[in-house]
C-alpha atoms as a PDB file:
ATOM      1  CA  MET A   1      58.796  16.897 -13.100  1.00  0.00           C
ATOM      2  CA  SER A   2      61.506  19.408 -13.468  1.00  0.00           C
ATOM      3  CA  ALA A   3      61.376  23.067 -13.783  1.00  0.00           C
ATOM      4  CA  GLU A   4      61.737  23.488 -17.382  1.00  0.00           C
ATOM      5  CA  GLU A   5      59.042  20.959 -18.188  1.00  0.00           C
ATOM      6  CA  PRO A   6      55.530  22.798 -18.807  1.00  0.00           C
ATOM      7  CA  LEU A   7      52.666  22.048 -16.056  1.00  0.00           C
ATOM      8  CA  PHE A   8      50.321  21.348 -18.498  1.00  0.00           C
ATOM      9  CA  ARG A   9      50.214  21.063 -22.562  1.00  0.00           C
ATOM     10  CA  ILE A  10      47.386  21.675 -25.162  1.00  0.00           C
ATOM     11  CA  VAL A  11      47.341  18.120 -27.136  1.00  0.00           C
ATOM     12  CA  ARG A  12      44.864  18.871 -29.763  1.00  0.00           C
ATOM     13  CA  GLY A  13      43.152  22.157 -31.372  1.00  0.00           C
ATOM     14  CA  VAL A  14      44.357  25.757 -30.942  1.00  0.00           C
ATOM     15  CA  PRO A  15      42.659  27.354 -27.937  1.00  0.00           C
ATOM     16  CA  THR A  16      42.078  31.126 -27.972  1.00  0.00           C
ATOM     17  CA  ALA A  17      43.552  33.416 -25.314  1.00  0.00           C
ATOM     18  CA  ASP A  18      40.100  33.300 -23.454  1.00  0.00           C
ATOM     19  CA  GLU A  19      40.135  29.579 -23.352  1.00  0.00           C
ATOM     20  CA  LEU A  20      43.405  29.436 -21.979  1.00  0.00           C
ATOM     21  CA  ALA A  21      42.668  31.904 -19.287  1.00  0.00           C
ATOM     22  CA  ALA A  22      39.629  30.069 -18.370  1.00  0.00           C
ATOM     23  CA  LEU A  23      41.723  26.717 -18.143  1.00  0.00           C
ATOM     24  CA  VAL A  24      44.314  28.507 -15.914  1.00  0.00           C
ATOM     25  CA  GLY A  25      41.775  30.004 -13.679  1.00  0.00           C
ATOM     26  CA  ALA A  26      39.977  26.690 -13.242  1.00  0.00           C
ATOM     27  CA  ILE A  27      43.368  25.037 -12.294  1.00  0.00           C
ATOM     28  CA  VAL A  28      44.139  27.675  -9.743  1.00  0.00           C
ATOM     29  CA  VAL A  29      40.559  27.607  -8.306  1.00  0.00           C
ATOM     30  CA  ARG A  30      40.862  23.644  -8.271  1.00  0.00           C
ATOM     31  CA  THR A  31      44.640  23.555  -6.139  1.00  0.00           C
ATOM     32  CA  ARG A  32      43.636  26.299  -4.002  1.00  0.00           C
ATOM     33  CA  PRO A  33      43.235  24.879  -0.202  1.00  0.00           C
ATOM     34  CA  ALA A  34      39.389  25.351   0.515  1.00  0.00           C
ATOM     35  CA  ALA A  35      38.670  28.350   2.797  1.00  0.00           C
ATOM     36  CA  THR A  36      36.884  27.376   6.089  1.00  0.00           C
ATOM     37  CA  THR A  37      34.618  29.916   7.899  1.00  0.00           C
ATOM     38  CA  PRO A  38      34.279  29.630  11.300  1.00  0.00           C
ATOM     39  CA  PRO A  39      31.273  28.609  12.562  1.00  0.00           C
ATOM     40  CA  ALA A  40      28.659  31.005  13.708  1.00  0.00           C
ATOM     41  CA  ALA A  41      28.580  31.893  17.107  1.00  0.00           C
ATOM     42  CA  VAL A  42      24.980  31.087  18.846  1.00  0.00           C
ATOM     43  CA  SER A  43      23.980  33.300  21.818  1.00  0.00           C
ATOM     44  CA  HIS A  44      23.469  31.699  25.198  1.00  0.00           C
ATOM     45  CA  TRP A  45      19.861  32.873  25.234  1.00  0.00           C
ATOM     46  CA  ALA A  46      18.875  31.328  22.129  1.00  0.00           C
ATOM     47  CA  ARG A  47      20.887  28.170  22.899  1.00  0.00           C
ATOM     48  CA  SER A  48      18.903  27.725  26.003  1.00  0.00           C
ATOM     49  CA  ALA A  49      15.590  27.885  24.330  1.00  0.00           C
ATOM     50  CA  ARG A  50      15.978  24.945  22.096  1.00  0.00           C
ATOM     51  CA  PRO A  51      17.146  21.868  24.263  1.00  0.00           C
ATOM     52  CA  ALA A  52      18.988  18.849  22.554  1.00  0.00           C
ATOM     53  CA  GLY A  53      16.050  16.349  22.372  1.00  0.00           C
ATOM     54  CA  ALA A  54      13.132  18.903  21.267  1.00  0.00           C
ATOM     55  CA  ALA A  55      13.028  17.942  17.659  1.00  0.00           C
ATOM     56  CA  PRO A  56       9.525  16.978  16.909  1.00  0.00           C
ATOM     57  CA  ALA A  57       8.703  13.562  15.782  1.00  0.00           C
ATOM     58  CA  ALA A  58       6.157  12.555  13.384  1.00  0.00           C
ATOM     59  CA  GLY A  59       4.032   9.831  13.687  1.00  0.00           C
ATOM     60  CA  PRO A  60       0.636   8.883  15.200  1.00  0.00           C
ATOM     61  CA  GLY A  61      -0.146  11.233  18.238  1.00  0.00           C
ATOM     62  CA  ALA A  62       2.571  13.580  17.585  1.00  0.00           C
ATOM     63  CA  TRP A  63       0.495  16.312  17.800  1.00  0.00           C
ATOM     64  CA  ARG A  64      -0.440  15.473  21.126  1.00  0.00           C
ATOM     65  CA  ALA A  65       2.971  14.516  22.198  1.00  0.00           C
ATOM     66  CA  SER A  66       4.292  18.074  20.719  1.00  0.00           C
ATOM     67  CA  GLY A  67       2.245  19.687  23.850  1.00  0.00           C
ATOM     68  CA  LEU A  68       3.759  17.406  26.575  1.00  0.00           C
ATOM     69  CA  PRO A  69       6.437  18.391  28.857  1.00  0.00           C
ATOM     70  CA  ARG A  70       9.723  16.881  27.853  1.00  0.00           C
END
């Protein structure tokens, strides 16, 4: 694609200025790289209270097993 060629063109219809602005805005947002947010920091205090395998499991006897040490 050369520098003189338009990036896009309207094939049919006569769009209003508002419609063209919406189209250009959608193209700009779509081509922008996604912003990555840093992961939320978890305090050592909160992390130690939830051990890795502590997720409750559903099923027969689950209520009894929830009170047993892990």
